[in-house]
């Protein structure tokens, strides 16, 4: 998974987004959404299961555990805040989105909070 923390957050966010959009999430859905091969997805899901972040249901769907859901929501929030921040400083939507995906899991909580506070003080919605 390349940078494991970044990849973990990307998988969890994607599972959360797909779940909210359509309910059941399968490995093939993740493969299509992320553009990865099914074996890559299978290996990643296996690692996430071992970490207690996802589980499989009776029909082989992928579910976020309570811990996985908390991490996914935190990662999604960081992504949203960073995306808005990057657009507020002039980045186009694609550049802002791609960089928010990459950078969110790398920022310390302190730096992320400074960015969020900066946005609030400037009246930029989160």
C-alpha atoms as a PDB file:
ATOM      1  CA  UNK A   1       0.000   0.000   0.000  1.00  0.00           C
ATOM      2  CA  UNK A   2       2.739   2.573  -0.782  1.00  0.00           C
ATOM      3  CA  UNK A   3       2.530   5.071   2.048  1.00  0.00           C
ATOM      4  CA  UNK A   4       0.514   2.839   4.353  1.00  0.00           C
ATOM      5  CA  UNK A   5      -1.186   5.588   6.359  1.00  0.00           C
ATOM      6  CA  UNK A   6      -2.214   7.544   3.273  1.00  0.00           C
ATOM      7  CA  UNK A   7      -3.441   4.396   1.522  1.00  0.00           C
ATOM      8  CA  UNK A   8      -5.304   3.224   4.618  1.00  0.00           C
ATOM      9  CA  UNK A   9      -7.129   6.536   4.847  1.00  0.00           C
ATOM     10  CA  UNK A  10      -7.893   6.487   1.122  1.00  0.00           C
ATOM     11  CA  UNK A  11      -9.405   3.004   1.358  1.00  0.00           C
ATOM     12  CA  UNK A  12     -11.433   3.883   4.452  1.00  0.00           C
ATOM     13  CA  UNK A  13     -12.716   7.158   2.946  1.00  0.00           C
ATOM     14  CA  UNK A  14     -13.649   5.379  -0.267  1.00  0.00           C
ATOM     15  CA  UNK A  15     -15.513   2.635   1.596  1.00  0.00           C
ATOM     16  CA  UNK A  16     -17.366   5.298   3.592  1.00  0.00           C
ATOM     17  CA  UNK A  17     -18.254   7.300   0.465  1.00  0.00           C
ATOM     18  CA  UNK A  18     -19.457   4.210  -1.435  1.00  0.00           C
ATOM     19  CA  UNK A  19     -21.464   3.044   1.577  1.00  0.00           C
ATOM     20  CA  UNK A  20     -23.178   6.422   1.856  1.00  0.00           C
ATOM     21  CA  UNK A  21     -23.852   6.524  -1.898  1.00  0.00           C
ATOM     22  CA  UNK A  22     -25.223   3.060  -2.409  1.00  0.00           C
ATOM     23  CA  UNK A  23     -25.209   0.875   0.649  1.00  0.00           C
ATOM     24  CA  UNK A  24     -23.274  -2.343   0.067  1.00  0.00           C
ATOM     25  CA  UNK A  25     -19.558  -2.102  -0.762  1.00  0.00           C
ATOM     26  CA  UNK A  26     -17.747  -4.946  -2.519  1.00  0.00           C
ATOM     27  CA  UNK A  27     -14.118  -5.386  -3.520  1.00  0.00           C
ATOM     28  CA  UNK A  28     -15.037  -4.882  -7.167  1.00  0.00           C
ATOM     29  CA  UNK A  29     -16.622  -1.528  -6.257  1.00  0.00           C
ATOM     30  CA  UNK A  30     -13.374  -0.430  -4.608  1.00  0.00           C
ATOM     31  CA  UNK A  31     -11.332  -1.666  -7.567  1.00  0.00           C
ATOM     32  CA  UNK A  32     -13.465   0.373  -9.990  1.00  0.00           C
ATOM     33  CA  UNK A  33     -13.501   3.470  -7.793  1.00  0.00           C
ATOM     34  CA  UNK A  34      -9.764   3.498  -7.062  1.00  0.00           C
ATOM     35  CA  UNK A  35      -8.526   2.065 -10.352  1.00  0.00           C
ATOM     36  CA  UNK A  36      -6.638  -0.775  -8.631  1.00  0.00           C
ATOM     37  CA  UNK A  37      -6.595  -4.447  -9.542  1.00  0.00           C
ATOM     38  CA  UNK A  38      -8.785  -6.860  -7.612  1.00  0.00           C
ATOM     39  CA  UNK A  39      -5.726  -8.640  -6.090  1.00  0.00           C
ATOM     40  CA  UNK A  40      -4.427  -5.263  -4.833  1.00  0.00           C
ATOM     41  CA  UNK A  41      -7.818  -4.547  -3.254  1.00  0.00           C
ATOM     42  CA  UNK A  42      -7.979  -8.050  -1.748  1.00  0.00           C
ATOM     43  CA  UNK A  43      -4.561  -7.618  -0.110  1.00  0.00           C
ATOM     44  CA  UNK A  44      -5.435  -4.169   1.209  1.00  0.00           C
ATOM     45  CA  UNK A  45      -8.757  -5.346   2.643  1.00  0.00           C
ATOM     46  CA  UNK A  46      -6.997  -8.283   4.290  1.00  0.00           C
ATOM     47  CA  UNK A  47      -4.594  -5.861   6.037  1.00  0.00           C
ATOM     48  CA  UNK A  48      -7.451  -3.571   7.069  1.00  0.00           C
ATOM     49  CA  UNK A  49      -9.303  -6.593   8.511  1.00  0.00           C
ATOM     50  CA  UNK A  50      -6.184  -7.592  10.449  1.00  0.00           C
ATOM     51  CA  UNK A  51      -6.027  -4.054  11.878  1.00  0.00           C
ATOM     52  CA  UNK A  52      -9.662  -4.280  12.921  1.00  0.00           C
ATOM     53  CA  UNK A  53     -10.774  -1.443  10.617  1.00  0.00           C
ATOM     54  CA  UNK A  54     -13.046  -3.399   8.279  1.00  0.00           C
ATOM     55  CA  UNK A  55     -14.974  -6.655   8.358  1.00  0.00           C
ATOM     56  CA  UNK A  56     -16.821  -8.768   5.819  1.00  0.00           C
ATOM     57  CA  UNK A  57     -20.562  -9.380   6.046  1.00  0.00           C
ATOM     58  CA  UNK A  58     -22.297 -12.677   5.208  1.00  0.00           C
ATOM     59  CA  UNK A  59     -22.486 -11.724   1.535  1.00  0.00           C
ATOM     60  CA  UNK A  60     -18.797 -10.763   1.240  1.00  0.00           C
ATOM     61  CA  UNK A  61     -19.535  -7.047   1.476  1.00  0.00           C
ATOM     62  CA  UNK A  62     -17.042  -4.744   3.192  1.00  0.00           C
ATOM     63  CA  UNK A  63     -18.117  -3.041   6.399  1.00  0.00           C
ATOM     64  CA  UNK A  64     -16.302  -0.432   8.436  1.00  0.00           C
ATOM     65  CA  UNK A  65     -15.839  -1.366  12.073  1.00  0.00           C
ATOM     66  CA  UNK A  66     -16.456   1.293  14.700  1.00  0.00           C
ATOM     67  CA  UNK A  67     -12.728   2.107  14.709  1.00  0.00           C
ATOM     68  CA  UNK A  68     -12.643   2.106  10.897  1.00  0.00           C
ATOM     69  CA  UNK A  69     -15.631   4.432  10.730  1.00  0.00           C
ATOM     70  CA  UNK A  70     -13.993   6.896  13.132  1.00  0.00           C
ATOM     71  CA  UNK A  71     -10.791   6.933  11.065  1.00  0.00           C
ATOM     72  CA  UNK A  72     -12.751   7.244   7.799  1.00  0.00           C
ATOM     73  CA  UNK A  73     -14.776  10.184   9.114  1.00  0.00           C
ATOM     74  CA  UNK A  74     -11.641  11.915  10.432  1.00  0.00           C
ATOM     75  CA  UNK A  75      -9.870  11.408   7.092  1.00  0.00           C
ATOM     76  CA  UNK A  76     -12.921  12.658   5.162  1.00  0.00           C
ATOM     77  CA  UNK A  77     -13.117  15.770   7.352  1.00  0.00           C
ATOM     78  CA  UNK A  78      -9.433  16.512   6.789  1.00  0.00           C
ATOM     79  CA  UNK A  79      -9.904  15.994   3.071  1.00  0.00           C
ATOM     80  CA  UNK A  80     -12.845  18.419   2.952  1.00  0.00           C
ATOM     81  CA  UNK A  81     -11.103  21.121   5.000  1.00  0.00           C
ATOM     82  CA  UNK A  82      -7.891  20.862   2.972  1.00  0.00           C
ATOM     83  CA  UNK A  83      -9.789  20.834  -0.313  1.00  0.00           C
ATOM     84  CA  UNK A  84     -11.562  24.081   0.633  1.00  0.00           C
ATOM     85  CA  UNK A  85      -8.305  25.580   1.881  1.00  0.00           C
ATOM     86  CA  UNK A  86      -6.426  24.786  -1.331  1.00  0.00           C
ATOM     87  CA  UNK A  87      -9.255  26.199  -3.460  1.00  0.00           C
ATOM     88  CA  UNK A  88      -9.301  29.341  -1.282  1.00  0.00           C
ATOM     89  CA  UNK A  89      -5.660  30.000  -2.160  1.00  0.00           C
ATOM     90  CA  UNK A  90      -6.279  29.591  -5.879  1.00  0.00           C
ATOM     91  CA  UNK A  91      -5.902  25.886  -6.688  1.00  0.00           C
ATOM     92  CA  UNK A  92      -8.365  24.514  -9.220  1.00  0.00           C
ATOM     93  CA  UNK A  93     -10.744  21.812  -8.049  1.00  0.00           C
ATOM     94  CA  UNK A  94      -8.752  18.881  -9.458  1.00  0.00           C
ATOM     95  CA  UNK A  95      -5.428  20.028  -7.993  1.00  0.00           C
ATOM     96  CA  UNK A  96      -7.075  20.825  -4.657  1.00  0.00           C
ATOM     97  CA  UNK A  97      -8.776  17.428  -4.476  1.00  0.00           C
ATOM     98  CA  UNK A  98      -5.707  15.393  -5.483  1.00  0.00           C
ATOM     99  CA  UNK A  99      -3.482  17.177  -2.975  1.00  0.00           C
ATOM    100  CA  UNK A 100      -6.033  17.035  -0.165  1.00  0.00           C
ATOM    101  CA  UNK A 101      -6.195  13.257  -0.669  1.00  0.00           C
ATOM    102  CA  UNK A 102      -2.416  12.963  -0.427  1.00  0.00           C
ATOM    103  CA  UNK A 103      -1.666  15.434   2.343  1.00  0.00           C
ATOM    104  CA  UNK A 104      -4.486  14.913   4.839  1.00  0.00           C
ATOM    105  CA  UNK A 105      -3.015  11.905   6.606  1.00  0.00           C
ATOM    106  CA  UNK A 106       0.469  13.414   6.681  1.00  0.00           C
ATOM    107  CA  UNK A 107      -0.399  16.573   8.637  1.00  0.00           C
ATOM    108  CA  UNK A 108      -0.043  16.707  12.378  1.00  0.00           C
ATOM    109  CA  UNK A 109      -3.218  17.379  14.326  1.00  0.00           C
ATOM    110  CA  UNK A 110      -1.763  20.754  15.346  1.00  0.00           C
ATOM    111  CA  UNK A 111      -1.116  21.915  11.783  1.00  0.00           C
ATOM    112  CA  UNK A 112      -4.488  20.654  10.609  1.00  0.00           C
ATOM    113  CA  UNK A 113      -6.207  22.563  13.420  1.00  0.00           C
ATOM    114  CA  UNK A 114      -4.348  25.750  12.413  1.00  0.00           C
ATOM    115  CA  UNK A 115      -5.598  25.365   8.842  1.00  0.00           C
ATOM    116  CA  UNK A 116      -9.144  24.773  10.059  1.00  0.00           C
ATOM    117  CA  UNK A 117      -9.002  27.808  12.387  1.00  0.00           C
ATOM    118  CA  UNK A 118      -7.561  29.941   9.571  1.00  0.00           C
ATOM    119  CA  UNK A 119     -10.483  28.985   7.356  1.00  0.00           C
ATOM    120  CA  UNK A 120     -13.017  29.783  10.083  1.00  0.00           C
ATOM    121  CA  UNK A 121     -11.420  33.159  10.790  1.00  0.00           C
ATOM    122  CA  UNK A 122     -11.578  34.021   7.087  1.00  0.00           C
ATOM    123  CA  UNK A 123     -15.204  32.889   6.841  1.00  0.00           C
ATOM    124  CA  UNK A 124     -14.407  29.978   4.536  1.00  0.00           C
ATOM    125  CA  UNK A 125     -16.881  27.105   4.985  1.00  0.00           C
ATOM    126  CA  UNK A 126     -15.547  23.697   5.941  1.00  0.00           C
END
